[in-house]
Amino acid sequence: MINLDNYLHLKQELVNSNIKLIAVSKNQPNSNIQFLYDIGHRDFGENKAQELTSKHTALPPDIQWHFIGHLQTNKIKSIIPFVTLIHSVDSYKLLQEINKEALKVGRVVDCLLQVYIAKEESKFGLDEEELNEIPSSKEFNNLKNINITGLMGMATFTDDYSLVRKEFRYLNNLFNQIKTEYFKDTSTFKELSMGMSDDYKIAIEEGSTMIRVGTYIFSERVNF
């Protein structure tokens, strides 16, 4: 089920901005995705490779698919031929594997480095030291089939919005630091993917360029 009023309200909030709305469609039937597609939406996010591959096959080919979940190395091959952006690169090893599979199909795949900013052990991501190690390594420049376009992070799931704001602000500061130090001449390093259904307003205020919104748009989820 789609909450159309919420979707239209969100689109209106973003109408005069450059912020991209990723409709998180995990566990949603193809019919719900097709409905949003038919009214003009193109960017959808999935967190499981098998589900993403199935939906890509069944739905219109010009959908921009964003992978936003924890990506296992043995699942990379299935999504590399078509994925628009991988938001969740949380290790150098994963980045190497993405590059290897992208080389096989002749693509350069856009990726975001996922940073651990939450006070929750269940979240994935790089710490600040690990984040700096990737672009500063000599081997990084040999990865010709990936393009790092920015950072991603998930804030703590809490009612303490001051904590959420602090975490988003920290991520924005890291983004600016990494861009200045390693990507200052790279025009495509410009994306900061942060903010979900419960905290997207704070994320926007703290510099997000992409928000990943699911339950606010899709009122309920079903088993895929």
N, C-alpha and C. Protein backbone atom coordinates (compact mmCIF):
# COMPACT_ATOMS: atom_id res chain seq x y z
N MET A 1 0.85 -1.19 0.00
CA MET A 1 0.00 0.00 0.00
C MET A 1 0.89 1.25 0.00
N ILE A 2 0.53 2.21 -0.83
CA ILE A 2 1.30 3.44 -0.93
C ILE A 2 0.54 4.59 -0.29
N ASN A 3 1.24 5.37 0.54
CA ASN A 3 0.65 6.58 1.09
C ASN A 3 0.97 7.71 0.11
N LEU A 4 0.08 7.90 -0.84
CA LEU A 4 0.33 8.86 -1.92
C LEU A 4 0.44 10.28 -1.39
N ASP A 5 -0.37 10.62 -0.39
CA ASP A 5 -0.30 11.97 0.18
C ASP A 5 1.09 12.25 0.75
N ASN A 6 1.64 11.27 1.46
CA ASN A 6 2.99 11.45 2.01
C ASN A 6 4.02 11.59 0.91
N TYR A 7 3.90 10.78 -0.12
CA TYR A 7 4.85 10.85 -1.22
C TYR A 7 4.80 12.22 -1.89
N LEU A 8 3.61 12.69 -2.19
CA LEU A 8 3.47 13.98 -2.87
C LEU A 8 3.94 15.12 -1.97
N HIS A 9 3.66 15.00 -0.67
CA HIS A 9 4.13 16.01 0.28
C HIS A 9 5.66 16.05 0.30
N LEU A 10 6.28 14.88 0.29
CA LEU A 10 7.74 14.81 0.31
C LEU A 10 8.33 15.38 -0.97
N LYS A 11 7.73 15.05 -2.10
CA LYS A 11 8.21 15.59 -3.36
C LYS A 11 8.09 17.12 -3.38
N GLN A 12 7.04 17.65 -2.78
CA GLN A 12 6.87 19.10 -2.72
C GLN A 12 7.94 19.72 -1.83
N GLU A 13 8.28 19.04 -0.73
CA GLU A 13 9.35 19.53 0.15
C GLU A 13 10.68 19.65 -0.59
N LEU A 14 10.88 18.77 -1.55
CA LEU A 14 12.16 18.70 -2.24
C LEU A 14 12.18 19.45 -3.57
N VAL A 15 11.05 20.05 -3.93
CA VAL A 15 10.89 20.56 -5.29
C VAL A 15 11.93 21.61 -5.67
N ASN A 16 12.35 22.43 -4.74
CA ASN A 16 13.32 23.48 -5.07
C ASN A 16 14.73 23.15 -4.59
N SER A 17 14.99 21.87 -4.40
CA SER A 17 16.32 21.45 -3.93
C SER A 17 16.93 20.48 -4.91
N ASN A 18 18.19 20.17 -4.69
CA ASN A 18 18.88 19.16 -5.50
C ASN A 18 18.96 17.82 -4.77
N ILE A 19 18.11 17.64 -3.78
CA ILE A 19 18.13 16.42 -2.98
C ILE A 19 17.34 15.33 -3.70
N LYS A 20 17.96 14.16 -3.81
CA LYS A 20 17.32 13.05 -4.51
C LYS A 20 16.58 12.16 -3.52
N LEU A 21 15.37 11.79 -3.87
CA LEU A 21 14.56 10.88 -3.05
C LEU A 21 14.72 9.46 -3.56
N ILE A 22 15.27 8.59 -2.71
CA ILE A 22 15.34 7.17 -3.02
C ILE A 22 14.17 6.49 -2.32
N ALA A 23 13.22 5.97 -3.09
CA ALA A 23 12.08 5.25 -2.51
C ALA A 23 12.53 3.84 -2.17
N VAL A 24 12.59 3.54 -0.88
CA VAL A 24 13.08 2.24 -0.43
C VAL A 24 11.95 1.22 -0.57
N SER A 25 12.11 0.36 -1.57
CA SER A 25 11.02 -0.53 -1.98
C SER A 25 11.23 -1.97 -1.54
N LYS A 26 12.13 -2.21 -0.59
CA LYS A 26 12.37 -3.58 -0.14
C LYS A 26 11.09 -4.17 0.44
N ASN A 27 10.86 -5.43 0.13
CA ASN A 27 9.68 -6.18 0.57
C ASN A 27 8.37 -5.66 -0.01
N GLN A 28 8.45 -4.80 -1.01
CA GLN A 28 7.25 -4.29 -1.67
C GLN A 28 7.00 -5.04 -2.97
N PRO A 29 5.73 -5.27 -3.30
CA PRO A 29 5.43 -5.94 -4.57
C PRO A 29 5.76 -5.03 -5.75
N ASN A 30 5.98 -5.64 -6.89
CA ASN A 30 6.30 -4.88 -8.09
C ASN A 30 5.23 -3.86 -8.44
N SER A 31 3.98 -4.17 -8.10
CA SER A 31 2.87 -3.27 -8.43
C SER A 31 3.03 -1.91 -7.75
N ASN A 32 3.55 -1.89 -6.53
CA ASN A 32 3.75 -0.61 -5.83
C ASN A 32 4.86 0.20 -6.48
N ILE A 33 5.91 -0.48 -6.89
CA ILE A 33 7.00 0.21 -7.58
C ILE A 33 6.51 0.75 -8.91
N GLN A 34 5.74 -0.07 -9.63
CA GLN A 34 5.21 0.34 -10.93
C GLN A 34 4.30 1.55 -10.78
N PHE A 35 3.54 1.60 -9.70
CA PHE A 35 2.64 2.74 -9.46
C PHE A 35 3.44 4.04 -9.36
N LEU A 36 4.50 4.03 -8.54
CA LEU A 36 5.32 5.23 -8.41
C LEU A 36 6.04 5.55 -9.72
N TYR A 37 6.48 4.52 -10.40
CA TYR A 37 7.12 4.72 -11.70
C TYR A 37 6.16 5.43 -12.67
N ASP A 38 4.91 5.00 -12.66
CA ASP A 38 3.93 5.55 -13.60
C ASP A 38 3.62 7.02 -13.33
N ILE A 39 3.88 7.49 -12.10
CA ILE A 39 3.66 8.92 -11.83
C ILE A 39 4.98 9.69 -11.85
N GLY A 40 6.02 9.03 -12.35
CA GLY A 40 7.26 9.75 -12.64
C GLY A 40 8.47 9.46 -11.79
N HIS A 41 8.34 8.57 -10.78
CA HIS A 41 9.48 8.31 -9.91
C HIS A 41 10.41 7.29 -10.56
N ARG A 42 11.73 7.48 -10.39
CA ARG A 42 12.68 6.59 -11.05
C ARG A 42 13.72 5.97 -10.12
N ASP A 43 13.94 6.54 -8.94
CA ASP A 43 15.00 6.05 -8.06
C ASP A 43 14.43 5.20 -6.93
N PHE A 44 14.85 3.93 -6.91
CA PHE A 44 14.36 2.98 -5.91
C PHE A 44 15.54 2.28 -5.23
N GLY A 45 15.36 1.99 -3.93
CA GLY A 45 16.42 1.37 -3.15
C GLY A 45 16.04 -0.01 -2.65
N GLU A 46 16.97 -0.94 -2.75
CA GLU A 46 16.78 -2.31 -2.27
C GLU A 46 17.97 -2.71 -1.42
N ASN A 47 17.74 -3.63 -0.47
CA ASN A 47 18.83 -4.03 0.41
C ASN A 47 19.21 -5.51 0.31
N LYS A 48 18.59 -6.24 -0.62
CA LYS A 48 18.94 -7.64 -0.85
C LYS A 48 19.18 -7.85 -2.33
N ALA A 49 20.33 -8.45 -2.64
CA ALA A 49 20.71 -8.60 -4.04
C ALA A 49 19.73 -9.45 -4.83
N GLN A 50 19.25 -10.54 -4.24
CA GLN A 50 18.34 -11.43 -4.96
C GLN A 50 17.03 -10.73 -5.30
N GLU A 51 16.50 -10.00 -4.34
CA GLU A 51 15.25 -9.27 -4.57
C GLU A 51 15.46 -8.17 -5.60
N LEU A 52 16.58 -7.48 -5.51
CA LEU A 52 16.88 -6.42 -6.47
C LEU A 52 16.98 -6.97 -7.89
N THR A 53 17.67 -8.08 -8.05
CA THR A 53 17.83 -8.68 -9.37
C THR A 53 16.50 -9.09 -9.96
N SER A 54 15.65 -9.68 -9.14
CA SER A 54 14.32 -10.10 -9.59
C SER A 54 13.48 -8.92 -10.04
N LYS A 55 13.51 -7.85 -9.27
CA LYS A 55 12.72 -6.66 -9.60
C LYS A 55 13.26 -5.97 -10.85
N HIS A 56 14.57 -5.93 -10.97
CA HIS A 56 15.17 -5.33 -12.16
C HIS A 56 14.71 -6.04 -13.42
N THR A 57 14.62 -7.36 -13.35
CA THR A 57 14.20 -8.15 -14.52
C THR A 57 12.74 -7.89 -14.89
N ALA A 58 11.90 -7.68 -13.87
CA ALA A 58 10.46 -7.59 -14.09
C ALA A 58 9.95 -6.18 -14.37
N LEU A 59 10.71 -5.17 -14.01
CA LEU A 59 10.22 -3.80 -14.06
C LEU A 59 10.92 -3.00 -15.17
N PRO A 60 10.45 -1.78 -15.47
CA PRO A 60 10.99 -1.01 -16.58
C PRO A 60 12.51 -0.83 -16.51
N PRO A 61 13.18 -0.89 -17.65
CA PRO A 61 14.65 -0.89 -17.67
C PRO A 61 15.30 0.44 -17.32
N ASP A 62 14.53 1.54 -17.32
CA ASP A 62 15.15 2.83 -17.01
C ASP A 62 15.03 3.21 -15.52
N ILE A 63 14.57 2.27 -14.69
CA ILE A 63 14.59 2.52 -13.25
C ILE A 63 16.04 2.62 -12.78
N GLN A 64 16.30 3.57 -11.89
CA GLN A 64 17.62 3.75 -11.29
C GLN A 64 17.64 2.98 -9.97
N TRP A 65 18.34 1.86 -9.97
CA TRP A 65 18.35 1.00 -8.78
C TRP A 65 19.53 1.34 -7.87
N HIS A 66 19.22 1.55 -6.61
CA HIS A 66 20.22 1.86 -5.59
C HIS A 66 20.31 0.68 -4.62
N PHE A 67 21.51 0.15 -4.43
CA PHE A 67 21.67 -0.90 -3.43
C PHE A 67 22.07 -0.25 -2.12
N ILE A 68 21.26 -0.46 -1.08
CA ILE A 68 21.45 0.28 0.16
C ILE A 68 21.73 -0.62 1.37
N GLY A 69 21.73 -1.94 1.17
CA GLY A 69 21.93 -2.86 2.29
C GLY A 69 23.36 -3.35 2.40
N HIS A 70 23.58 -4.21 3.37
CA HIS A 70 24.90 -4.82 3.54
C HIS A 70 25.13 -5.79 2.39
N LEU A 71 26.19 -5.55 1.62
CA LEU A 71 26.43 -6.32 0.41
C LEU A 71 27.49 -7.39 0.67
N GLN A 72 27.08 -8.65 0.47
CA GLN A 72 28.01 -9.77 0.60
C GLN A 72 28.79 -9.93 -0.71
N THR A 73 30.06 -10.30 -0.59
CA THR A 73 30.90 -10.38 -1.79
C THR A 73 30.37 -11.38 -2.81
N ASN A 74 29.74 -12.46 -2.35
CA ASN A 74 29.25 -13.45 -3.30
C ASN A 74 27.97 -13.02 -4.01
N LYS A 75 27.44 -11.87 -3.65
CA LYS A 75 26.22 -11.35 -4.29
C LYS A 75 26.51 -10.21 -5.26
N ILE A 76 27.76 -9.75 -5.29
CA ILE A 76 28.10 -8.58 -6.10
C ILE A 76 27.82 -8.83 -7.58
N LYS A 77 28.23 -10.00 -8.06
CA LYS A 77 28.16 -10.32 -9.49
C LYS A 77 26.77 -10.13 -10.07
N SER A 78 25.74 -10.45 -9.27
CA SER A 78 24.37 -10.42 -9.79
C SER A 78 23.84 -9.02 -10.02
N ILE A 79 24.36 -8.01 -9.30
CA ILE A 79 23.80 -6.66 -9.44
C ILE A 79 24.68 -5.71 -10.26
N ILE A 80 25.95 -6.08 -10.45
CA ILE A 80 26.90 -5.17 -11.10
C ILE A 80 26.48 -4.76 -12.51
N PRO A 81 25.86 -5.63 -13.31
CA PRO A 81 25.54 -5.22 -14.68
C PRO A 81 24.57 -4.05 -14.79
N PHE A 82 23.79 -3.76 -13.73
CA PHE A 82 22.73 -2.76 -13.88
C PHE A 82 22.61 -1.76 -12.73
N VAL A 83 23.21 -2.03 -11.58
CA VAL A 83 22.98 -1.16 -10.43
C VAL A 83 23.47 0.26 -10.72
N THR A 84 22.69 1.26 -10.28
CA THR A 84 23.04 2.66 -10.50
C THR A 84 24.06 3.15 -9.48
N LEU A 85 23.82 2.83 -8.21
CA LEU A 85 24.69 3.30 -7.14
C LEU A 85 24.66 2.32 -5.98
N ILE A 86 25.85 1.94 -5.51
CA ILE A 86 25.96 1.11 -4.31
C ILE A 86 26.27 2.04 -3.15
N HIS A 87 25.33 2.17 -2.22
CA HIS A 87 25.48 3.12 -1.11
C HIS A 87 26.33 2.57 0.03
N SER A 88 26.54 1.26 0.07
CA SER A 88 26.95 0.61 1.32
C SER A 88 28.29 -0.10 1.24
N VAL A 89 29.30 0.56 0.68
CA VAL A 89 30.64 -0.03 0.64
C VAL A 89 31.30 0.19 2.01
N ASP A 90 31.46 -0.90 2.76
CA ASP A 90 31.91 -0.77 4.14
C ASP A 90 33.26 -1.44 4.40
N SER A 91 33.99 -1.76 3.32
CA SER A 91 35.34 -2.30 3.48
C SER A 91 36.11 -2.15 2.18
N TYR A 92 37.43 -2.12 2.28
CA TYR A 92 38.27 -2.03 1.09
C TYR A 92 38.15 -3.32 0.27
N LYS A 93 38.05 -4.44 0.96
CA LYS A 93 37.89 -5.73 0.27
C LYS A 93 36.66 -5.73 -0.61
N LEU A 94 35.55 -5.20 -0.10
CA LEU A 94 34.32 -5.13 -0.87
C LEU A 94 34.51 -4.25 -2.09
N LEU A 95 35.19 -3.14 -1.92
CA LEU A 95 35.44 -2.23 -3.03
C LEU A 95 36.27 -2.93 -4.12
N GLN A 96 37.25 -3.71 -3.72
CA GLN A 96 38.06 -4.46 -4.68
C GLN A 96 37.21 -5.46 -5.46
N GLU A 97 36.31 -6.13 -4.78
CA GLU A 97 35.46 -7.13 -5.44
C GLU A 97 34.48 -6.48 -6.40
N ILE A 98 33.96 -5.32 -6.01
CA ILE A 98 33.06 -4.58 -6.91
C ILE A 98 33.84 -4.19 -8.17
N ASN A 99 35.05 -3.71 -7.98
CA ASN A 99 35.88 -3.31 -9.12
C ASN A 99 36.15 -4.51 -10.04
N LYS A 100 36.44 -5.66 -9.46
CA LYS A 100 36.74 -6.86 -10.24
C LYS A 100 35.54 -7.28 -11.09
N GLU A 101 34.35 -7.27 -10.49
CA GLU A 101 33.16 -7.68 -11.24
C GLU A 101 32.75 -6.62 -12.26
N ALA A 102 32.97 -5.36 -11.94
CA ALA A 102 32.65 -4.29 -12.88
C ALA A 102 33.56 -4.35 -14.11
N LEU A 103 34.81 -4.70 -13.90
CA LEU A 103 35.76 -4.86 -15.00
C LEU A 103 35.30 -5.95 -15.96
N LYS A 104 34.76 -7.02 -15.42
CA LYS A 104 34.31 -8.15 -16.24
C LYS A 104 33.19 -7.75 -17.20
N VAL A 105 32.34 -6.81 -16.78
CA VAL A 105 31.21 -6.43 -17.63
C VAL A 105 31.44 -5.08 -18.32
N GLY A 106 32.62 -4.51 -18.12
CA GLY A 106 32.96 -3.28 -18.80
C GLY A 106 32.24 -2.05 -18.30
N ARG A 107 32.01 -2.00 -16.99
CA ARG A 107 31.33 -0.85 -16.39
C ARG A 107 32.24 -0.15 -15.39
N VAL A 108 31.95 1.13 -15.16
CA VAL A 108 32.48 1.85 -14.01
C VAL A 108 31.29 2.10 -13.09
N VAL A 109 31.33 1.52 -11.90
CA VAL A 109 30.18 1.53 -11.00
C VAL A 109 30.36 2.60 -9.92
N ASP A 110 29.35 3.44 -9.77
CA ASP A 110 29.37 4.47 -8.73
C ASP A 110 29.13 3.85 -7.36
N CYS A 111 29.90 4.29 -6.38
CA CYS A 111 29.82 3.74 -5.02
C CYS A 111 29.91 4.87 -3.99
N LEU A 112 29.30 4.63 -2.85
CA LEU A 112 29.47 5.48 -1.68
C LEU A 112 30.17 4.68 -0.60
N LEU A 113 31.03 5.32 0.16
CA LEU A 113 31.66 4.69 1.31
C LEU A 113 30.75 4.86 2.52
N GLN A 114 30.39 3.74 3.13
CA GLN A 114 29.48 3.79 4.29
C GLN A 114 30.28 4.00 5.57
N VAL A 115 29.88 5.00 6.32
CA VAL A 115 30.57 5.36 7.56
C VAL A 115 29.71 4.97 8.75
N TYR A 116 30.33 4.40 9.75
CA TYR A 116 29.63 4.01 10.98
C TYR A 116 29.51 5.24 11.87
N ILE A 117 28.29 5.74 12.02
CA ILE A 117 28.09 6.95 12.83
C ILE A 117 27.13 6.73 13.99
N ALA A 118 26.47 5.57 14.04
CA ALA A 118 25.41 5.33 15.03
C ALA A 118 25.95 4.73 16.32
N LYS A 119 25.12 4.80 17.35
CA LYS A 119 25.44 4.17 18.62
C LYS A 119 24.73 2.81 18.69
N GLU A 120 24.87 2.03 17.64
CA GLU A 120 24.21 0.73 17.56
C GLU A 120 25.16 -0.29 16.93
N GLU A 121 25.33 -1.43 17.59
CA GLU A 121 26.24 -2.44 17.09
C GLU A 121 25.73 -3.12 15.83
N SER A 122 24.43 -3.04 15.56
CA SER A 122 23.85 -3.72 14.41
C SER A 122 24.15 -3.00 13.09
N LYS A 123 24.63 -1.78 13.17
CA LYS A 123 24.92 -1.00 11.97
C LYS A 123 26.31 -1.36 11.42
N PHE A 124 26.48 -1.20 10.12
CA PHE A 124 27.76 -1.45 9.46
C PHE A 124 28.41 -0.12 9.10
N GLY A 125 29.69 -0.19 8.73
CA GLY A 125 30.35 1.00 8.23
C GLY A 125 31.80 1.11 8.66
N LEU A 126 32.49 2.02 7.99
CA LEU A 126 33.89 2.32 8.27
C LEU A 126 34.00 3.32 9.41
N ASP A 127 35.04 3.16 10.23
CA ASP A 127 35.30 4.24 11.18
C ASP A 127 36.17 5.29 10.47
N GLU A 128 36.47 6.36 11.16
CA GLU A 128 37.16 7.48 10.51
C GLU A 128 38.53 7.08 9.99
N GLU A 129 39.25 6.28 10.76
CA GLU A 129 40.58 5.84 10.34
C GLU A 129 40.49 4.96 9.09
N GLU A 130 39.56 4.02 9.10
CA GLU A 130 39.38 3.13 7.93
C GLU A 130 38.95 3.91 6.70
N LEU A 131 38.12 4.90 6.92
CA LEU A 131 37.65 5.73 5.81
C LEU A 131 38.81 6.42 5.12
N ASN A 132 39.73 6.98 5.90
CA ASN A 132 40.88 7.68 5.32
C ASN A 132 41.87 6.73 4.66
N GLU A 133 41.93 5.51 5.15
CA GLU A 133 42.89 4.55 4.61
C GLU A 133 42.58 4.18 3.16
N ILE A 134 41.30 4.17 2.78
CA ILE A 134 40.95 3.72 1.43
C ILE A 134 41.49 4.65 0.35
N PRO A 135 41.11 5.94 0.33
CA PRO A 135 41.62 6.80 -0.75
C PRO A 135 43.09 7.16 -0.64
N SER A 136 43.68 6.96 0.53
CA SER A 136 45.10 7.29 0.71
C SER A 136 46.02 6.14 0.32
N SER A 137 45.45 4.96 0.10
CA SER A 137 46.29 3.80 -0.24
C SER A 137 46.75 3.88 -1.69
N LYS A 138 47.94 3.34 -1.95
CA LYS A 138 48.48 3.33 -3.31
C LYS A 138 47.61 2.47 -4.23
N GLU A 139 47.05 1.39 -3.69
CA GLU A 139 46.26 0.46 -4.49
C GLU A 139 44.94 1.08 -4.97
N PHE A 140 44.46 2.07 -4.25
CA PHE A 140 43.16 2.66 -4.59
C PHE A 140 43.14 3.20 -6.01
N ASN A 141 44.22 3.80 -6.43
CA ASN A 141 44.27 4.39 -7.78
C ASN A 141 44.24 3.35 -8.88
N ASN A 142 44.44 2.08 -8.52
CA ASN A 142 44.38 1.00 -9.51
C ASN A 142 42.97 0.49 -9.73
N LEU A 143 42.04 0.96 -8.94
CA LEU A 143 40.64 0.52 -9.08
C LEU A 143 39.95 1.40 -10.11
N LYS A 144 40.07 1.02 -11.35
CA LYS A 144 39.60 1.85 -12.46
C LYS A 144 38.12 1.67 -12.78
N ASN A 145 37.49 0.65 -12.20
CA ASN A 145 36.10 0.36 -12.55
C ASN A 145 35.12 0.68 -11.43
N ILE A 146 35.57 1.50 -10.48
CA ILE A 146 34.67 2.06 -9.47
C ILE A 146 34.86 3.56 -9.44
N ASN A 147 33.82 4.26 -9.04
CA ASN A 147 33.89 5.72 -8.91
C ASN A 147 33.27 6.09 -7.57
N ILE A 148 34.09 6.58 -6.64
CA ILE A 148 33.57 6.98 -5.33
C ILE A 148 32.92 8.35 -5.46
N THR A 149 31.61 8.39 -5.23
CA THR A 149 30.87 9.64 -5.43
C THR A 149 30.44 10.31 -4.12
N GLY A 150 30.81 9.72 -2.97
CA GLY A 150 30.46 10.35 -1.71
C GLY A 150 30.40 9.36 -0.57
N LEU A 151 29.67 9.75 0.48
CA LEU A 151 29.56 8.96 1.70
C LEU A 151 28.11 8.65 2.03
N MET A 152 27.92 7.59 2.81
CA MET A 152 26.59 7.23 3.32
C MET A 152 26.69 6.90 4.80
N GLY A 153 25.61 7.17 5.54
CA GLY A 153 25.58 6.79 6.94
C GLY A 153 24.16 6.68 7.45
N MET A 154 24.01 5.88 8.52
CA MET A 154 22.72 5.71 9.18
C MET A 154 22.84 6.14 10.63
N ALA A 155 21.97 7.05 11.03
CA ALA A 155 22.00 7.54 12.40
C ALA A 155 21.38 6.52 13.35
N THR A 156 21.60 6.72 14.63
CA THR A 156 20.99 5.89 15.65
C THR A 156 19.47 5.99 15.58
N PHE A 157 18.80 4.85 15.72
CA PHE A 157 17.33 4.83 15.75
C PHE A 157 16.89 5.20 17.16
N THR A 158 16.51 6.45 17.35
CA THR A 158 16.22 6.96 18.68
C THR A 158 15.29 8.17 18.58
N ASP A 159 14.64 8.47 19.70
CA ASP A 159 13.85 9.71 19.79
C ASP A 159 14.69 10.90 20.19
N ASP A 160 15.96 10.66 20.48
CA ASP A 160 16.88 11.74 20.85
C ASP A 160 17.39 12.40 19.57
N TYR A 161 16.65 13.38 19.09
CA TYR A 161 16.99 13.97 17.80
C TYR A 161 18.24 14.85 17.87
N SER A 162 18.62 15.25 19.07
CA SER A 162 19.88 15.98 19.19
C SER A 162 21.06 15.06 18.88
N LEU A 163 20.94 13.78 19.26
CA LEU A 163 21.97 12.80 18.93
C LEU A 163 22.01 12.54 17.43
N VAL A 164 20.83 12.39 16.83
CA VAL A 164 20.75 12.18 15.39
C VAL A 164 21.40 13.34 14.64
N ARG A 165 21.09 14.55 15.06
CA ARG A 165 21.67 15.73 14.41
C ARG A 165 23.20 15.73 14.56
N LYS A 166 23.67 15.38 15.72
CA LYS A 166 25.11 15.34 15.98
C LYS A 166 25.79 14.33 15.06
N GLU A 167 25.14 13.17 14.87
CA GLU A 167 25.72 12.13 14.01
C GLU A 167 25.73 12.56 12.54
N PHE A 168 24.66 13.17 12.08
CA PHE A 168 24.61 13.66 10.70
C PHE A 168 25.63 14.78 10.48
N ARG A 169 25.77 15.65 11.46
CA ARG A 169 26.72 16.75 11.33
C ARG A 169 28.14 16.22 11.26
N TYR A 170 28.41 15.19 12.06
CA TYR A 170 29.72 14.55 12.04
C TYR A 170 30.00 13.96 10.65
N LEU A 171 29.00 13.30 10.07
CA LEU A 171 29.18 12.71 8.74
C LEU A 171 29.41 13.79 7.69
N ASN A 172 28.70 14.88 7.78
CA ASN A 172 28.89 15.98 6.84
C ASN A 172 30.29 16.56 6.95
N ASN A 173 30.78 16.69 8.17
CA ASN A 173 32.14 17.19 8.37
C ASN A 173 33.17 16.23 7.77
N LEU A 174 32.93 14.93 7.94
CA LEU A 174 33.82 13.93 7.35
C LEU A 174 33.80 14.01 5.83
N PHE A 175 32.60 14.18 5.28
CA PHE A 175 32.46 14.32 3.83
C PHE A 175 33.33 15.48 3.32
N ASN A 176 33.22 16.62 3.96
CA ASN A 176 34.00 17.79 3.53
C ASN A 176 35.50 17.57 3.69
N GLN A 177 35.88 16.88 4.75
CA GLN A 177 37.29 16.59 4.99
C GLN A 177 37.84 15.66 3.92
N ILE A 178 37.09 14.57 3.63
CA ILE A 178 37.53 13.59 2.64
C ILE A 178 37.58 14.22 1.25
N LYS A 179 36.58 15.02 0.95
CA LYS A 179 36.56 15.68 -0.37
C LYS A 179 37.77 16.60 -0.53
N THR A 180 38.04 17.40 0.49
CA THR A 180 39.16 18.35 0.42
C THR A 180 40.50 17.64 0.30
N GLU A 181 40.63 16.54 1.03
CA GLU A 181 41.94 15.87 1.09
C GLU A 181 42.21 14.94 -0.09
N TYR A 182 41.14 14.28 -0.59
CA TYR A 182 41.37 13.24 -1.58
C TYR A 182 40.62 13.45 -2.91
N PHE A 183 39.54 14.22 -2.90
CA PHE A 183 38.69 14.29 -4.09
C PHE A 183 38.40 15.73 -4.52
N LYS A 184 39.29 16.64 -4.18
CA LYS A 184 39.01 18.05 -4.46
C LYS A 184 38.90 18.35 -5.95
N ASP A 185 39.53 17.53 -6.79
CA ASP A 185 39.46 17.74 -8.23
C ASP A 185 38.50 16.77 -8.91
N THR A 186 37.67 16.09 -8.09
CA THR A 186 36.73 15.10 -8.63
C THR A 186 35.32 15.66 -8.51
N SER A 187 34.77 16.11 -9.63
CA SER A 187 33.45 16.77 -9.59
C SER A 187 32.34 15.82 -9.20
N THR A 188 32.54 14.52 -9.40
CA THR A 188 31.48 13.55 -9.10
C THR A 188 31.42 13.18 -7.61
N PHE A 189 32.43 13.59 -6.83
CA PHE A 189 32.38 13.33 -5.39
C PHE A 189 31.52 14.43 -4.76
N LYS A 190 30.21 14.17 -4.68
CA LYS A 190 29.28 15.22 -4.27
C LYS A 190 28.07 14.71 -3.49
N GLU A 191 27.99 13.38 -3.26
CA GLU A 191 26.78 12.83 -2.66
C GLU A 191 26.97 12.50 -1.18
N LEU A 192 25.97 12.88 -0.40
CA LEU A 192 25.93 12.54 1.02
C LEU A 192 24.57 11.89 1.28
N SER A 193 24.58 10.57 1.33
CA SER A 193 23.35 9.80 1.48
C SER A 193 23.07 9.58 2.96
N MET A 194 22.14 10.36 3.51
CA MET A 194 21.76 10.20 4.91
C MET A 194 20.34 10.71 5.10
N GLY A 195 19.62 10.05 5.99
CA GLY A 195 18.24 10.41 6.26
C GLY A 195 17.27 9.36 5.77
N MET A 196 16.39 8.91 6.69
CA MET A 196 15.37 7.93 6.37
C MET A 196 14.01 8.47 6.83
N SER A 197 13.01 7.60 6.89
CA SER A 197 11.64 8.06 7.14
C SER A 197 11.52 8.90 8.41
N ASP A 198 12.20 8.50 9.49
CA ASP A 198 12.03 9.17 10.78
C ASP A 198 12.94 10.37 10.98
N ASP A 199 13.98 10.50 10.15
CA ASP A 199 14.94 11.57 10.43
C ASP A 199 15.38 12.35 9.19
N TYR A 200 14.65 12.20 8.08
CA TYR A 200 15.11 12.84 6.85
C TYR A 200 15.12 14.37 6.94
N LYS A 201 14.21 14.95 7.73
CA LYS A 201 14.18 16.41 7.84
C LYS A 201 15.48 16.92 8.48
N ILE A 202 15.95 16.23 9.51
CA ILE A 202 17.21 16.61 10.15
C ILE A 202 18.37 16.41 9.18
N ALA A 203 18.33 15.29 8.46
CA ALA A 203 19.40 15.00 7.49
C ALA A 203 19.50 16.10 6.43
N ILE A 204 18.38 16.55 5.95
CA ILE A 204 18.37 17.63 4.95
C ILE A 204 18.99 18.90 5.53
N GLU A 205 18.61 19.22 6.77
CA GLU A 205 19.17 20.41 7.41
C GLU A 205 20.68 20.30 7.61
N GLU A 206 21.19 19.06 7.71
CA GLU A 206 22.61 18.85 7.96
C GLU A 206 23.40 18.52 6.70
N GLY A 207 22.77 18.70 5.52
CA GLY A 207 23.54 18.63 4.29
C GLY A 207 23.34 17.43 3.41
N SER A 208 22.34 16.61 3.68
CA SER A 208 22.11 15.43 2.85
C SER A 208 21.80 15.82 1.40
N THR A 209 22.28 14.99 0.47
CA THR A 209 21.92 15.16 -0.94
C THR A 209 21.04 14.03 -1.43
N MET A 210 20.91 12.97 -0.61
CA MET A 210 20.05 11.83 -0.94
C MET A 210 19.39 11.34 0.33
N ILE A 211 18.08 11.18 0.30
CA ILE A 211 17.38 10.59 1.44
C ILE A 211 16.76 9.27 1.00
N ARG A 212 16.79 8.29 1.91
CA ARG A 212 16.32 6.93 1.62
C ARG A 212 15.06 6.70 2.43
N VAL A 213 13.91 6.81 1.79
CA VAL A 213 12.65 6.82 2.53
C VAL A 213 11.78 5.63 2.12
N GLY A 214 11.40 4.82 3.11
CA GLY A 214 10.57 3.65 2.84
C GLY A 214 9.21 3.70 3.49
N THR A 215 9.15 3.53 4.81
CA THR A 215 7.86 3.39 5.49
C THR A 215 7.00 4.65 5.40
N TYR A 216 7.60 5.79 5.25
CA TYR A 216 6.81 7.03 5.11
C TYR A 216 6.02 7.03 3.80
N ILE A 217 6.57 6.37 2.79
CA ILE A 217 5.90 6.29 1.49
C ILE A 217 5.05 5.04 1.37
N PHE A 218 5.66 3.91 1.72
CA PHE A 218 4.96 2.62 1.67
C PHE A 218 4.42 2.32 3.06
N SER A 219 3.13 2.48 3.23
CA SER A 219 2.53 2.43 4.57
C SER A 219 2.77 1.11 5.28
N GLU A 220 2.86 0.05 4.53
CA GLU A 220 3.13 -1.25 5.14
C GLU A 220 3.96 -2.07 4.18
N ARG A 221 4.73 -2.98 4.75
CA ARG A 221 5.55 -3.85 3.93
C ARG A 221 4.98 -5.26 3.93
N VAL A 222 5.17 -5.93 2.84
CA VAL A 222 4.71 -7.32 2.72
C VAL A 222 5.91 -8.20 2.43
N ASN A 223 5.74 -9.50 2.62
CA ASN A 223 6.82 -10.41 2.29
C ASN A 223 6.95 -10.53 0.79
N PHE A 224 8.16 -10.31 0.30
CA PHE A 224 8.41 -10.36 -1.14
C PHE A 224 8.27 -11.78 -1.67
